[in-house]
Amino acid sequence: VIAGARTLSGNPERLAALALGYRLKSIADTMLTREQLPAYRRLMSSMYGPRLAGLGIDVTSGAHAREPAQRRALRESLALLVALEARDPVLRAEMVVAAKAYLGGDLHALDPSFRAVALQVAAQDGDNALLSQLKEVLLRSSDPQFKVDASIAIGSVDTAASADASGFSSSTMRTSL
């Protein structure tokens, strides 16, 4: 599977290039131990990081709007794998900055196509203040897609301590939403 994923990762067809990467993600989510995750992250980075770097990525709103839809879709899919699975620190830092600005009201800071991933990264890497801000914006928002993106982001917090420290207990969220 790994050899196939490595070979297909350079395929010009988006679905072919990414299908085995998502299967590897599924395996990682269900079968890998905490000790195995660093090797998995390095593997995902080696397969998908160079492809994303070759395309380039700018998460600000409209930055890639003039490109063909197929190229944009490939970039968006690669960004998910590189940011969430490979945990690329440079991309994650860029996404956290953009997500903070977006949550602060700068809607141009983050393209809607990267919003879900960037909010997840921000929830995982941000401090308790950012998580609280995410929750506040979620509760005030009337945008149904933002509510979905923010809810998924809150659910992606890596540690129970982070969730608890920010007031994200299941009972609070149930009564707040």
Protein backbone atom coordinates (compact mmCIF):
# COMPACT_ATOMS: atom_id res chain seq x y z
CA VAL A 1 0.00 0.00 0.00
CA ILE A 2 2.81 2.42 0.90
CA ALA A 3 4.70 1.73 -2.35
CA GLY A 4 1.49 2.23 -4.33
CA ALA A 5 0.67 5.45 -2.49
CA ARG A 6 4.18 6.75 -3.08
CA THR A 7 3.96 5.97 -6.80
CA LEU A 8 0.46 7.36 -7.23
CA SER A 9 1.11 10.54 -5.20
CA GLY A 10 2.59 12.14 -8.31
CA ASN A 11 -0.31 11.20 -10.58
CA PRO A 12 -1.83 14.19 -12.40
CA GLU A 13 -5.34 12.93 -11.58
CA ARG A 14 -6.31 14.17 -8.10
CA LEU A 15 -8.34 11.14 -7.04
CA ALA A 16 -5.63 8.70 -8.13
CA ALA A 17 -2.93 10.76 -6.42
CA LEU A 18 -4.76 10.88 -3.08
CA ALA A 19 -6.87 7.72 -2.75
CA LEU A 20 -4.21 5.60 -1.07
CA GLY A 21 -3.17 8.54 1.11
CA TYR A 22 -6.67 8.63 2.54
CA ARG A 23 -6.53 4.86 3.08
CA LEU A 24 -3.29 5.32 4.99
CA LYS A 25 -5.03 8.01 7.04
CA SER A 26 -7.79 5.55 7.86
CA ILE A 27 -5.22 2.97 8.96
CA ALA A 28 -3.44 5.58 11.08
CA ASP A 29 -6.70 6.65 12.70
CA THR A 30 -7.65 3.13 13.66
CA MET A 31 -4.53 1.01 14.01
CA LEU A 32 -1.39 3.01 14.76
CA THR A 33 -0.09 3.52 18.27
CA ARG A 34 1.08 6.89 19.55
CA GLU A 35 4.67 5.66 19.14
CA GLN A 36 4.09 4.90 15.45
CA LEU A 37 2.64 8.32 14.60
CA PRO A 38 5.96 10.17 14.05
CA ALA A 39 7.01 7.65 11.37
CA TYR A 40 3.56 7.90 9.79
CA ARG A 41 3.77 11.70 9.74
CA ARG A 42 7.22 11.56 8.09
CA LEU A 43 5.85 9.13 5.48
CA MET A 44 2.90 11.38 4.66
CA SER A 45 5.18 14.40 4.49
CA SER A 46 7.58 12.65 2.11
CA MET A 47 4.74 11.60 -0.21
CA TYR A 48 2.53 14.69 -0.26
CA GLY A 49 4.64 17.59 0.99
CA PRO A 50 6.72 17.97 -2.19
CA ARG A 51 3.60 17.82 -4.36
CA LEU A 52 1.96 20.61 -2.36
CA ALA A 53 5.19 22.62 -2.36
CA GLY A 54 5.32 22.30 -6.14
CA LEU A 55 1.81 23.70 -6.44
CA GLY A 56 2.42 26.39 -3.84
CA ILE A 57 -0.13 27.37 -1.24
CA ASP A 58 -1.49 30.69 -0.08
CA VAL A 59 -4.45 30.33 2.31
CA THR A 60 -5.68 33.91 1.92
CA SER A 61 -9.05 34.39 0.30
CA GLY A 62 -9.01 34.29 -3.49
CA ALA A 63 -5.25 33.70 -3.80
CA HIS A 64 -5.74 30.79 -6.21
CA ALA A 65 -9.07 31.88 -7.73
CA ARG A 66 -7.72 32.26 -11.27
CA GLU A 67 -6.34 28.73 -11.42
CA PRO A 68 -8.21 25.81 -13.01
CA ALA A 69 -10.64 24.08 -10.66
CA GLN A 70 -8.78 20.76 -10.90
CA ARG A 71 -5.53 22.34 -9.69
CA ARG A 72 -7.33 24.12 -6.82
CA ALA A 73 -9.04 20.87 -5.78
CA LEU A 74 -5.71 19.03 -5.77
CA ARG A 75 -4.13 21.77 -3.61
CA GLU A 76 -7.02 21.71 -1.14
CA SER A 77 -6.83 17.92 -0.78
CA LEU A 78 -3.05 17.97 -0.41
CA ALA A 79 -3.29 20.73 2.18
CA LEU A 80 -5.49 18.51 4.34
CA LEU A 81 -3.01 15.62 4.20
CA VAL A 82 0.06 17.79 4.71
CA ALA A 83 -1.42 19.90 7.51
CA LEU A 84 -3.41 17.30 9.43
CA GLU A 85 -1.63 14.03 8.67
CA ALA A 86 2.00 15.03 8.00
CA ARG A 87 1.64 17.88 10.54
CA ASP A 88 3.93 20.12 8.50
CA PRO A 89 4.98 22.83 10.99
CA VAL A 90 5.38 25.63 8.43
CA LEU A 91 1.97 25.07 6.85
CA ARG A 92 0.35 24.64 10.26
CA ALA A 93 1.86 27.90 11.54
CA GLU A 94 0.55 29.74 8.45
CA MET A 95 -2.89 28.23 8.98
CA VAL A 96 -2.99 29.17 12.66
CA VAL A 97 -2.13 32.79 11.84
CA ALA A 98 -4.82 32.88 9.14
CA ALA A 99 -7.42 31.22 11.38
CA LYS A 100 -6.75 33.69 14.22
CA ALA A 101 -7.16 36.62 11.84
CA TYR A 102 -10.32 35.08 10.38
CA LEU A 103 -11.84 34.52 13.81
CA GLY A 104 -10.93 38.11 14.63
CA GLY A 105 -13.06 39.34 11.73
CA ASP A 106 -10.61 39.47 8.80
CA LEU A 107 -12.55 37.34 6.32
CA HIS A 108 -9.88 37.88 3.64
CA ALA A 109 -7.25 36.15 5.81
CA LEU A 110 -8.56 32.66 5.07
CA ASP A 111 -10.00 31.26 1.85
CA PRO A 112 -13.20 29.27 2.45
CA SER A 113 -11.63 26.26 0.74
CA PHE A 114 -8.98 26.04 3.49
CA ARG A 115 -11.17 27.14 6.40
CA ALA A 116 -12.09 23.70 7.74
CA VAL A 117 -8.49 22.48 7.78
CA ALA A 118 -7.11 25.75 9.16
CA LEU A 119 -9.66 25.79 11.99
CA GLN A 120 -8.74 22.20 12.89
CA VAL A 121 -5.05 23.07 12.93
CA ALA A 122 -5.76 26.16 15.03
CA ALA A 123 -7.82 24.12 17.49
CA GLN A 124 -5.02 21.58 17.79
CA ASP A 125 -2.11 24.03 17.98
CA GLY A 126 -3.71 27.11 19.49
CA ASP A 127 -3.93 28.07 23.10
CA ASN A 128 -7.01 28.08 25.29
CA ALA A 129 -7.80 31.67 24.32
CA LEU A 130 -8.02 30.68 20.67
CA LEU A 131 -10.27 27.73 21.50
CA SER A 132 -12.53 30.00 23.52
CA GLN A 133 -12.64 32.49 20.65
CA LEU A 134 -13.53 29.69 18.23
CA LYS A 135 -16.38 28.63 20.50
CA GLU A 136 -17.65 32.22 20.83
CA VAL A 137 -17.59 32.81 17.07
CA LEU A 138 -19.31 29.46 16.52
CA LEU A 139 -22.13 30.36 18.88
CA ARG A 140 -22.62 33.83 17.30
CA SER A 141 -22.36 32.73 13.68
CA SER A 142 -25.39 32.35 11.44
CA ASP A 143 -23.32 30.63 8.72
CA PRO A 144 -24.27 26.93 8.76
CA GLN A 145 -21.07 25.82 7.00
CA PHE A 146 -18.91 27.75 9.47
CA LYS A 147 -20.80 26.05 12.31
CA VAL A 148 -19.94 22.66 10.80
CA ASP A 149 -16.29 23.62 10.23
CA ALA A 150 -15.91 25.05 13.74
CA SER A 151 -17.63 22.07 15.37
CA ILE A 152 -15.32 19.65 13.58
CA ALA A 153 -12.35 21.79 14.59
CA ILE A 154 -13.38 21.72 18.25
CA GLY A 155 -13.80 17.95 17.99
CA SER A 156 -10.28 17.61 16.59
CA VAL A 157 -8.58 18.97 19.71
CA ASP A 158 -5.85 16.46 20.52
CA THR A 159 -5.94 16.44 24.29
CA ALA A 160 -8.70 16.22 26.85
CA ALA A 161 -6.83 18.75 28.99
CA SER A 162 -7.05 21.37 26.22
CA ALA A 163 -10.73 20.71 25.73
CA ASP A 164 -11.49 20.79 29.45
CA ALA A 165 -9.42 23.93 30.08
CA SER A 166 -11.40 25.75 27.42
CA GLY A 167 -14.80 24.67 28.68
CA PHE A 168 -15.53 22.19 25.91
CA SER A 169 -17.27 19.53 27.91
CA SER A 170 -19.99 17.59 26.16
CA SER A 171 -22.66 19.03 28.44
CA THR A 172 -21.60 22.66 27.78
CA MET A 173 -21.56 22.19 24.04
CA ARG A 174 -24.92 20.41 24.00
CA THR A 175 -26.65 23.19 25.88
CA SER A 176 -24.82 26.00 24.06
CA LEU A 177 -25.56 24.90 20.52
